[in-house]
Amino acid sequence: MKAFLAWFGGGLGLLTLLVAAGCASAPEEPVLEVSLANLRFTQLTLFETTAVLDVRLDNLAPEEIRVTGGSHRVTVNGIKLGRGLTGESMPVARLASAVQPVEFHVRNLSMARSIQELSRSRLIDYELESIVYVARPGGGDRTIRVRRTGQLDLQAVGGRLPVALP
């Protein structure tokens, strides 16, 4: 019986150690939320439209963080508009937000029919998929993946998309 209790106690101790190690290596809570602040079209050519996506970065941490870059993909009514990349490094103050402009390009010829369908829509469903890199204090970057969805009722904003062209 003593041998069984020693074996059982050792097994229980090992199990406790494994659970504690698992808890210690659990993923960190996200320190950053990402959302779409604005989308404006800035340049239009025959083959390509340039858009600027203003991405709002909300720092949920009690200390300042440094965003070192990111990749953001926008889908509107199931239509993949494009992906914007930024390597711009910017601080986001503790418990605050900042807006980062991200330029991306839409290929007009491959999207002509989709954009025409989109212009007839009353409701706009959007999805923002982001990969944001945040500097770690000891060096290197932490990767934060965020997916945000929403809906815009065009009738509520006057029946058309709020678009800015120069």
N, C-alpha and C. Protein backbone atom coordinates (compact mmCIF):
# COMPACT_ATOMS: atom_id res chain seq x y z
N MET A 1 0.81 -1.19 0.00
CA MET A 1 0.00 0.00 0.00
C MET A 1 0.86 1.26 0.00
N LYS A 2 1.98 1.24 0.79
CA LYS A 2 2.87 2.40 0.80
C LYS A 2 3.44 2.65 -0.58
N ALA A 3 3.79 1.59 -1.30
CA ALA A 3 4.33 1.74 -2.66
C ALA A 3 3.30 2.40 -3.57
N PHE A 4 2.04 1.99 -3.45
CA PHE A 4 0.98 2.58 -4.26
C PHE A 4 0.81 4.05 -3.96
N LEU A 5 0.79 4.42 -2.67
CA LEU A 5 0.64 5.82 -2.28
C LEU A 5 1.83 6.66 -2.76
N ALA A 6 3.03 6.11 -2.69
CA ALA A 6 4.21 6.82 -3.17
C ALA A 6 4.13 7.01 -4.68
N TRP A 7 3.70 5.96 -5.38
CA TRP A 7 3.56 6.06 -6.85
C TRP A 7 2.46 7.05 -7.20
N PHE A 8 1.30 6.96 -6.49
CA PHE A 8 0.17 7.85 -6.76
C PHE A 8 0.54 9.30 -6.45
N GLY A 9 1.21 9.52 -5.31
CA GLY A 9 1.63 10.87 -4.93
C GLY A 9 2.62 11.45 -5.93
N GLY A 10 3.55 10.62 -6.41
CA GLY A 10 4.51 11.07 -7.43
C GLY A 10 3.81 11.42 -8.73
N GLY A 11 2.84 10.59 -9.11
CA GLY A 11 2.06 10.86 -10.33
C GLY A 11 1.25 12.12 -10.21
N LEU A 12 0.66 12.32 -9.03
CA LEU A 12 -0.12 13.53 -8.79
C LEU A 12 0.77 14.77 -8.81
N GLY A 13 1.96 14.64 -8.25
CA GLY A 13 2.91 15.75 -8.27
C GLY A 13 3.33 16.08 -9.70
N LEU A 14 3.57 15.05 -10.52
CA LEU A 14 3.94 15.27 -11.92
C LEU A 14 2.80 15.93 -12.68
N LEU A 15 1.57 15.47 -12.44
CA LEU A 15 0.41 16.06 -13.08
C LEU A 15 0.26 17.53 -12.69
N THR A 16 0.46 17.85 -11.42
CA THR A 16 0.39 19.24 -10.95
C THR A 16 1.45 20.09 -11.64
N LEU A 17 2.65 19.55 -11.78
CA LEU A 17 3.73 20.27 -12.45
C LEU A 17 3.40 20.54 -13.91
N LEU A 18 2.82 19.54 -14.60
CA LEU A 18 2.46 19.71 -16.01
C LEU A 18 1.35 20.76 -16.17
N VAL A 19 0.36 20.73 -15.29
CA VAL A 19 -0.73 21.71 -15.36
C VAL A 19 -0.18 23.11 -15.10
N ALA A 20 0.68 23.25 -14.12
CA ALA A 20 1.27 24.56 -13.81
C ALA A 20 2.10 25.06 -14.98
N ALA A 21 2.86 24.17 -15.63
CA ALA A 21 3.66 24.57 -16.79
C ALA A 21 2.76 24.99 -17.93
N GLY A 22 1.64 24.28 -18.10
CA GLY A 22 0.69 24.64 -19.15
C GLY A 22 0.09 26.00 -18.90
N CYS A 23 -0.22 26.29 -17.67
CA CYS A 23 -0.78 27.61 -17.33
C CYS A 23 0.26 28.70 -17.55
N ALA A 24 1.49 28.44 -17.24
CA ALA A 24 2.55 29.43 -17.39
C ALA A 24 2.80 29.75 -18.85
N SER A 25 2.55 28.79 -19.75
CA SER A 25 2.82 29.04 -21.16
C SER A 25 1.55 29.37 -21.94
N ALA A 26 0.45 29.62 -21.23
CA ALA A 26 -0.79 29.99 -21.90
C ALA A 26 -0.58 31.29 -22.67
N PRO A 27 -1.28 31.45 -23.79
CA PRO A 27 -1.10 32.67 -24.58
C PRO A 27 -1.48 33.91 -23.79
N GLU A 28 -0.74 34.99 -24.03
CA GLU A 28 -1.02 36.25 -23.35
C GLU A 28 -2.32 36.83 -23.87
N GLU A 29 -2.98 37.62 -23.02
CA GLU A 29 -4.16 38.34 -23.46
C GLU A 29 -3.75 39.35 -24.53
N PRO A 30 -4.59 39.57 -25.52
CA PRO A 30 -4.25 40.59 -26.51
C PRO A 30 -4.12 41.95 -25.84
N VAL A 31 -3.08 42.68 -26.19
CA VAL A 31 -2.89 44.02 -25.64
C VAL A 31 -3.37 45.07 -26.62
N LEU A 32 -3.86 44.63 -27.77
CA LEU A 32 -4.19 45.57 -28.84
C LEU A 32 -5.49 45.15 -29.52
N GLU A 33 -6.37 46.12 -29.73
CA GLU A 33 -7.55 45.90 -30.56
C GLU A 33 -7.40 46.74 -31.81
N VAL A 34 -7.87 46.22 -32.92
CA VAL A 34 -7.73 46.89 -34.21
C VAL A 34 -9.12 47.07 -34.80
N SER A 35 -9.40 48.26 -35.33
CA SER A 35 -10.68 48.50 -35.98
C SER A 35 -10.49 49.45 -37.15
N LEU A 36 -11.49 49.49 -37.99
CA LEU A 36 -11.49 50.35 -39.17
C LEU A 36 -12.02 51.72 -38.77
N ALA A 37 -11.19 52.75 -38.94
CA ALA A 37 -11.60 54.11 -38.59
C ALA A 37 -12.12 54.86 -39.82
N ASN A 38 -11.52 54.61 -40.97
CA ASN A 38 -11.94 55.30 -42.19
C ASN A 38 -11.35 54.57 -43.40
N LEU A 39 -11.99 54.74 -44.51
CA LEU A 39 -11.50 54.22 -45.79
C LEU A 39 -11.75 55.29 -46.82
N ARG A 40 -10.70 55.75 -47.46
CA ARG A 40 -10.86 56.78 -48.48
C ARG A 40 -10.06 56.39 -49.71
N PHE A 41 -10.62 56.71 -50.85
CA PHE A 41 -9.96 56.43 -52.12
C PHE A 41 -9.24 57.70 -52.55
N THR A 42 -7.95 57.59 -52.82
CA THR A 42 -7.15 58.78 -53.04
C THR A 42 -6.69 58.97 -54.47
N GLN A 43 -6.60 57.90 -55.23
CA GLN A 43 -6.10 58.03 -56.60
C GLN A 43 -6.77 56.97 -57.46
N LEU A 44 -7.19 57.38 -58.65
CA LEU A 44 -7.87 56.47 -59.55
C LEU A 44 -7.19 56.52 -60.91
N THR A 45 -6.76 55.36 -61.40
CA THR A 45 -6.23 55.25 -62.75
C THR A 45 -7.03 54.17 -63.47
N LEU A 46 -6.75 53.93 -64.72
CA LEU A 46 -7.46 52.93 -65.49
C LEU A 46 -7.29 51.54 -64.87
N PHE A 47 -6.11 51.23 -64.41
CA PHE A 47 -5.81 49.88 -63.94
C PHE A 47 -5.90 49.69 -62.42
N GLU A 48 -5.78 50.79 -61.68
CA GLU A 48 -5.65 50.62 -60.24
C GLU A 48 -6.24 51.81 -59.49
N THR A 49 -6.84 51.52 -58.35
CA THR A 49 -7.31 52.56 -57.44
C THR A 49 -6.50 52.46 -56.17
N THR A 50 -6.01 53.59 -55.70
CA THR A 50 -5.26 53.62 -54.45
C THR A 50 -6.22 54.07 -53.35
N ALA A 51 -6.19 53.34 -52.26
CA ALA A 51 -7.04 53.66 -51.11
C ALA A 51 -6.17 53.76 -49.87
N VAL A 52 -6.63 54.57 -48.93
CA VAL A 52 -5.96 54.67 -47.63
C VAL A 52 -6.95 54.18 -46.59
N LEU A 53 -6.51 53.20 -45.86
CA LEU A 53 -7.29 52.62 -44.79
C LEU A 53 -6.74 53.18 -43.49
N ASP A 54 -7.57 53.89 -42.74
CA ASP A 54 -7.15 54.39 -41.43
C ASP A 54 -7.52 53.32 -40.40
N VAL A 55 -6.51 52.74 -39.78
CA VAL A 55 -6.69 51.67 -38.83
C VAL A 55 -6.53 52.24 -37.42
N ARG A 56 -7.53 52.02 -36.57
CA ARG A 56 -7.44 52.47 -35.18
C ARG A 56 -6.83 51.35 -34.35
N LEU A 57 -5.79 51.69 -33.60
CA LEU A 57 -5.09 50.75 -32.74
C LEU A 57 -5.37 51.16 -31.29
N ASP A 58 -6.07 50.31 -30.55
CA ASP A 58 -6.40 50.58 -29.15
C ASP A 58 -5.48 49.76 -28.26
N ASN A 59 -4.70 50.45 -27.45
CA ASN A 59 -3.78 49.80 -26.51
C ASN A 59 -4.52 49.53 -25.21
N LEU A 60 -4.73 48.26 -24.88
CA LEU A 60 -5.44 47.87 -23.67
C LEU A 60 -4.49 47.67 -22.49
N ALA A 61 -3.20 47.84 -22.73
CA ALA A 61 -2.19 47.58 -21.70
C ALA A 61 -1.94 48.83 -20.85
N PRO A 62 -1.52 48.63 -19.60
CA PRO A 62 -1.22 49.77 -18.73
C PRO A 62 0.15 50.40 -19.01
N GLU A 63 0.83 49.94 -20.07
CA GLU A 63 2.09 50.56 -20.46
C GLU A 63 2.08 50.83 -21.97
N GLU A 64 2.90 51.77 -22.38
CA GLU A 64 3.00 52.11 -23.80
C GLU A 64 3.50 50.90 -24.59
N ILE A 65 2.99 50.74 -25.81
CA ILE A 65 3.49 49.70 -26.70
C ILE A 65 3.99 50.36 -27.98
N ARG A 66 4.83 49.67 -28.72
CA ARG A 66 5.33 50.16 -30.00
C ARG A 66 4.91 49.18 -31.08
N VAL A 67 4.05 49.66 -31.98
CA VAL A 67 3.64 48.87 -33.14
C VAL A 67 4.72 49.04 -34.19
N THR A 68 5.25 47.93 -34.71
CA THR A 68 6.36 48.00 -35.65
C THR A 68 5.95 47.72 -37.09
N GLY A 69 4.69 47.41 -37.31
CA GLY A 69 4.22 47.18 -38.68
C GLY A 69 2.96 46.33 -38.67
N GLY A 70 2.45 46.09 -39.88
CA GLY A 70 1.25 45.28 -39.96
C GLY A 70 0.78 45.02 -41.37
N SER A 71 -0.14 44.10 -41.46
CA SER A 71 -0.78 43.73 -42.72
C SER A 71 -2.28 43.73 -42.46
N HIS A 72 -3.05 44.39 -43.34
CA HIS A 72 -4.48 44.54 -43.13
C HIS A 72 -5.21 44.21 -44.43
N ARG A 73 -6.16 43.28 -44.35
CA ARG A 73 -6.95 42.90 -45.53
C ARG A 73 -8.39 43.32 -45.31
N VAL A 74 -8.98 43.95 -46.33
CA VAL A 74 -10.35 44.45 -46.24
C VAL A 74 -11.22 43.68 -47.23
N THR A 75 -12.36 43.20 -46.72
CA THR A 75 -13.37 42.54 -47.55
C THR A 75 -14.67 43.29 -47.36
N VAL A 76 -15.34 43.63 -48.46
CA VAL A 76 -16.61 44.35 -48.41
C VAL A 76 -17.64 43.55 -49.19
N ASN A 77 -18.74 43.18 -48.53
CA ASN A 77 -19.80 42.35 -49.11
C ASN A 77 -19.23 41.11 -49.80
N GLY A 78 -18.26 40.49 -49.16
CA GLY A 78 -17.65 39.28 -49.69
C GLY A 78 -16.61 39.52 -50.77
N ILE A 79 -16.38 40.77 -51.14
CA ILE A 79 -15.41 41.13 -52.18
C ILE A 79 -14.11 41.53 -51.51
N LYS A 80 -13.04 40.83 -51.83
CA LYS A 80 -11.73 41.18 -51.25
C LYS A 80 -11.19 42.40 -51.98
N LEU A 81 -11.20 43.53 -51.27
CA LEU A 81 -10.73 44.77 -51.89
C LEU A 81 -9.21 44.81 -52.02
N GLY A 82 -8.52 44.28 -51.07
CA GLY A 82 -7.06 44.30 -51.15
C GLY A 82 -6.42 44.17 -49.79
N ARG A 83 -5.10 44.22 -49.82
CA ARG A 83 -4.30 44.12 -48.60
C ARG A 83 -3.35 45.31 -48.56
N GLY A 84 -3.29 45.92 -47.40
CA GLY A 84 -2.36 47.02 -47.20
C GLY A 84 -1.27 46.60 -46.23
N LEU A 85 -0.07 47.06 -46.48
CA LEU A 85 1.08 46.74 -45.64
C LEU A 85 1.70 48.02 -45.12
N THR A 86 2.18 47.96 -43.90
CA THR A 86 2.92 49.10 -43.36
C THR A 86 4.08 48.60 -42.51
N GLY A 87 5.20 49.24 -42.68
CA GLY A 87 6.37 48.96 -41.86
C GLY A 87 6.65 50.12 -40.91
N GLU A 88 5.71 51.07 -40.89
CA GLU A 88 5.87 52.26 -40.05
C GLU A 88 5.78 51.87 -38.57
N SER A 89 6.75 52.32 -37.81
CA SER A 89 6.78 52.07 -36.38
C SER A 89 6.15 53.26 -35.67
N MET A 90 5.26 52.97 -34.72
CA MET A 90 4.62 54.07 -34.00
C MET A 90 4.27 53.64 -32.58
N PRO A 91 4.43 54.56 -31.63
CA PRO A 91 4.04 54.24 -30.25
C PRO A 91 2.54 54.42 -30.07
N VAL A 92 1.97 53.62 -29.18
CA VAL A 92 0.58 53.82 -28.78
C VAL A 92 0.61 53.93 -27.26
N ALA A 93 0.23 55.10 -26.76
CA ALA A 93 0.29 55.38 -25.32
C ALA A 93 -0.54 54.38 -24.53
N ARG A 94 -0.21 54.23 -23.27
CA ARG A 94 -0.93 53.31 -22.39
C ARG A 94 -2.41 53.67 -22.34
N LEU A 95 -3.26 52.65 -22.44
CA LEU A 95 -4.71 52.82 -22.35
C LEU A 95 -5.21 53.94 -23.26
N ALA A 96 -4.70 53.97 -24.48
CA ALA A 96 -5.06 55.02 -25.43
C ALA A 96 -5.17 54.39 -26.83
N SER A 97 -5.48 55.22 -27.80
CA SER A 97 -5.56 54.74 -29.17
C SER A 97 -4.82 55.68 -30.10
N ALA A 98 -4.47 55.14 -31.26
CA ALA A 98 -3.80 55.91 -32.30
C ALA A 98 -4.35 55.43 -33.64
N VAL A 99 -4.27 56.27 -34.64
CA VAL A 99 -4.73 55.91 -35.98
C VAL A 99 -3.52 55.82 -36.90
N GLN A 100 -3.43 54.71 -37.61
CA GLN A 100 -2.32 54.48 -38.53
C GLN A 100 -2.87 54.39 -39.95
N PRO A 101 -2.46 55.29 -40.85
CA PRO A 101 -2.90 55.18 -42.24
C PRO A 101 -2.12 54.07 -42.95
N VAL A 102 -2.86 53.25 -43.71
CA VAL A 102 -2.26 52.14 -44.45
C VAL A 102 -2.76 52.22 -45.90
N GLU A 103 -1.83 52.33 -46.83
CA GLU A 103 -2.18 52.43 -48.24
C GLU A 103 -2.29 51.04 -48.85
N PHE A 104 -3.34 50.85 -49.68
CA PHE A 104 -3.43 49.61 -50.44
C PHE A 104 -4.01 49.91 -51.81
N HIS A 105 -3.88 48.94 -52.69
CA HIS A 105 -4.23 49.14 -54.10
C HIS A 105 -5.27 48.10 -54.53
N VAL A 106 -6.27 48.59 -55.27
CA VAL A 106 -7.34 47.74 -55.79
C VAL A 106 -7.15 47.65 -57.30
N ARG A 107 -7.15 46.44 -57.83
CA ARG A 107 -7.02 46.25 -59.29
C ARG A 107 -8.40 46.44 -59.93
N ASN A 108 -8.56 47.49 -60.72
CA ASN A 108 -9.85 47.87 -61.26
C ASN A 108 -10.42 46.85 -62.24
N LEU A 109 -9.62 46.38 -63.17
CA LEU A 109 -10.13 45.51 -64.22
C LEU A 109 -10.67 44.20 -63.66
N SER A 110 -10.00 43.64 -62.68
CA SER A 110 -10.47 42.37 -62.13
C SER A 110 -11.66 42.55 -61.18
N MET A 111 -11.94 43.79 -60.78
CA MET A 111 -13.01 44.03 -59.82
C MET A 111 -14.16 44.87 -60.37
N ALA A 112 -14.17 45.16 -61.66
CA ALA A 112 -15.17 46.07 -62.23
C ALA A 112 -16.60 45.61 -61.92
N ARG A 113 -16.92 44.36 -62.17
CA ARG A 113 -18.28 43.86 -61.94
C ARG A 113 -18.62 43.88 -60.44
N SER A 114 -17.68 43.48 -59.63
CA SER A 114 -17.91 43.44 -58.18
C SER A 114 -18.16 44.83 -57.62
N ILE A 115 -17.42 45.81 -58.09
CA ILE A 115 -17.60 47.19 -57.61
C ILE A 115 -18.95 47.74 -58.05
N GLN A 116 -19.38 47.36 -59.27
CA GLN A 116 -20.69 47.79 -59.75
C GLN A 116 -21.80 47.21 -58.86
N GLU A 117 -21.69 45.94 -58.51
CA GLU A 117 -22.67 45.31 -57.60
C GLU A 117 -22.64 45.99 -56.24
N LEU A 118 -21.45 46.30 -55.76
CA LEU A 118 -21.29 46.94 -54.47
C LEU A 118 -21.96 48.31 -54.44
N SER A 119 -21.87 49.06 -55.55
CA SER A 119 -22.45 50.40 -55.60
C SER A 119 -23.97 50.37 -55.52
N ARG A 120 -24.59 49.23 -55.84
CA ARG A 120 -26.05 49.09 -55.77
C ARG A 120 -26.54 48.60 -54.41
N SER A 121 -25.63 48.26 -53.54
CA SER A 121 -26.00 47.70 -52.24
C SER A 121 -26.48 48.77 -51.28
N ARG A 122 -27.48 48.43 -50.47
CA ARG A 122 -27.95 49.33 -49.42
C ARG A 122 -27.17 49.10 -48.14
N LEU A 123 -26.87 47.83 -47.85
CA LEU A 123 -26.10 47.47 -46.67
C LEU A 123 -24.70 47.03 -47.10
N ILE A 124 -23.73 47.53 -46.40
CA ILE A 124 -22.33 47.16 -46.66
C ILE A 124 -21.82 46.37 -45.46
N ASP A 125 -21.48 45.11 -45.70
CA ASP A 125 -20.84 44.29 -44.68
C ASP A 125 -19.34 44.36 -44.91
N TYR A 126 -18.58 44.59 -43.86
CA TYR A 126 -17.14 44.66 -44.03
C TYR A 126 -16.43 43.75 -43.04
N GLU A 127 -15.24 43.36 -43.43
CA GLU A 127 -14.39 42.54 -42.57
C GLU A 127 -12.97 43.08 -42.68
N LEU A 128 -12.33 43.24 -41.54
CA LEU A 128 -10.95 43.69 -41.47
C LEU A 128 -10.16 42.57 -40.80
N GLU A 129 -9.20 42.02 -41.53
CA GLU A 129 -8.32 41.00 -40.96
C GLU A 129 -6.93 41.62 -40.88
N SER A 130 -6.39 41.66 -39.66
CA SER A 130 -5.11 42.33 -39.43
C SER A 130 -4.12 41.42 -38.74
N ILE A 131 -2.87 41.60 -39.13
CA ILE A 131 -1.74 41.02 -38.41
C ILE A 131 -0.88 42.21 -38.03
N VAL A 132 -0.75 42.43 -36.72
CA VAL A 132 -0.01 43.59 -36.22
C VAL A 132 1.19 43.09 -35.42
N TYR A 133 2.32 43.72 -35.63
CA TYR A 133 3.55 43.36 -34.92
C TYR A 133 3.83 44.40 -33.85
N VAL A 134 4.01 43.91 -32.62
CA VAL A 134 4.27 44.78 -31.47
C VAL A 134 5.63 44.42 -30.90
N ALA A 135 6.47 45.44 -30.68
CA ALA A 135 7.82 45.20 -30.16
C ALA A 135 7.76 44.63 -28.75
N ARG A 136 8.61 43.63 -28.50
CA ARG A 136 8.75 43.07 -27.15
C ARG A 136 9.86 43.83 -26.44
N PRO A 137 9.74 44.00 -25.12
CA PRO A 137 10.78 44.73 -24.37
C PRO A 137 12.18 44.14 -24.54
N GLY A 138 12.32 42.82 -24.63
CA GLY A 138 13.64 42.19 -24.75
C GLY A 138 14.13 42.09 -26.17
N GLY A 139 13.37 42.58 -27.14
CA GLY A 139 13.74 42.48 -28.55
C GLY A 139 12.80 41.53 -29.27
N GLY A 140 12.73 41.68 -30.57
CA GLY A 140 11.82 40.87 -31.37
C GLY A 140 10.42 41.45 -31.35
N ASP A 141 9.53 40.80 -32.09
CA ASP A 141 8.15 41.26 -32.20
C ASP A 141 7.18 40.19 -31.75
N ARG A 142 6.07 40.63 -31.21
CA ARG A 142 4.96 39.75 -30.90
C ARG A 142 3.92 39.94 -31.99
N THR A 143 3.34 38.85 -32.49
CA THR A 143 2.35 38.91 -33.55
C THR A 143 0.95 38.85 -32.94
N ILE A 144 0.12 39.82 -33.33
CA ILE A 144 -1.26 39.85 -32.86
C ILE A 144 -2.17 39.78 -34.09
N ARG A 145 -3.03 38.78 -34.11
CA ARG A 145 -3.99 38.61 -35.22
C ARG A 145 -5.37 39.02 -34.74
N VAL A 146 -6.02 39.86 -35.57
CA VAL A 146 -7.34 40.38 -35.20
C VAL A 146 -8.25 40.30 -36.41
N ARG A 147 -9.50 39.92 -36.18
CA ARG A 147 -10.52 39.91 -37.23
C ARG A 147 -11.70 40.72 -36.70
N ARG A 148 -12.11 41.73 -37.44
CA ARG A 148 -13.20 42.60 -37.02
C ARG A 148 -14.22 42.66 -38.16
N THR A 149 -15.51 42.54 -37.83
CA THR A 149 -16.56 42.64 -38.83
C THR A 149 -17.55 43.73 -38.41
N GLY A 150 -18.26 44.25 -39.39
CA GLY A 150 -19.26 45.25 -39.11
C GLY A 150 -20.18 45.46 -40.30
N GLN A 151 -21.15 46.32 -40.13
CA GLN A 151 -22.10 46.60 -41.19
C GLN A 151 -22.42 48.09 -41.20
N LEU A 152 -22.54 48.63 -42.41
CA LEU A 152 -22.87 50.04 -42.60
C LEU A 152 -24.15 50.11 -43.43
N ASP A 153 -25.14 50.83 -42.93
CA ASP A 153 -26.39 51.03 -43.66
C ASP A 153 -26.26 52.33 -44.44
N LEU A 154 -26.19 52.21 -45.77
CA LEU A 154 -25.98 53.39 -46.60
C LEU A 154 -27.17 54.34 -46.57
N GLN A 155 -28.35 53.81 -46.34
CA GLN A 155 -29.52 54.69 -46.26
C GLN A 155 -29.39 55.62 -45.05
N ALA A 156 -28.78 55.13 -43.99
CA ALA A 156 -28.60 55.94 -42.78
C ALA A 156 -27.55 57.04 -42.96
N VAL A 157 -26.65 56.88 -43.93
CA VAL A 157 -25.62 57.90 -44.18
C VAL A 157 -25.87 58.64 -45.49
N GLY A 158 -27.13 58.74 -45.89
CA GLY A 158 -27.46 59.51 -47.07
C GLY A 158 -27.46 58.74 -48.36
N GLY A 159 -27.42 57.42 -48.30
CA GLY A 159 -27.55 56.61 -49.50
C GLY A 159 -26.31 56.35 -50.29
N ARG A 160 -25.15 56.83 -49.86
CA ARG A 160 -23.93 56.58 -50.60
C ARG A 160 -22.74 56.42 -49.66
N LEU A 161 -21.72 55.78 -50.21
CA LEU A 161 -20.51 55.61 -49.42
C LEU A 161 -19.81 56.93 -49.20
N PRO A 162 -19.32 57.19 -48.00
CA PRO A 162 -18.53 58.41 -47.78
C PRO A 162 -17.14 58.22 -48.38
N VAL A 163 -16.95 58.75 -49.59
CA VAL A 163 -15.71 58.55 -50.32
C VAL A 163 -15.03 59.90 -50.54
N ALA A 164 -13.73 59.94 -50.37
CA ALA A 164 -12.98 61.18 -50.60
C ALA A 164 -12.00 60.96 -51.75
N LEU A 165 -12.13 61.72 -52.82
CA LEU A 165 -11.18 61.70 -53.93
C LEU A 165 -10.61 63.10 -54.05
N PRO A 166 -9.33 63.20 -54.41
CA PRO A 166 -8.74 64.54 -54.50
C PRO A 166 -9.34 65.36 -55.62
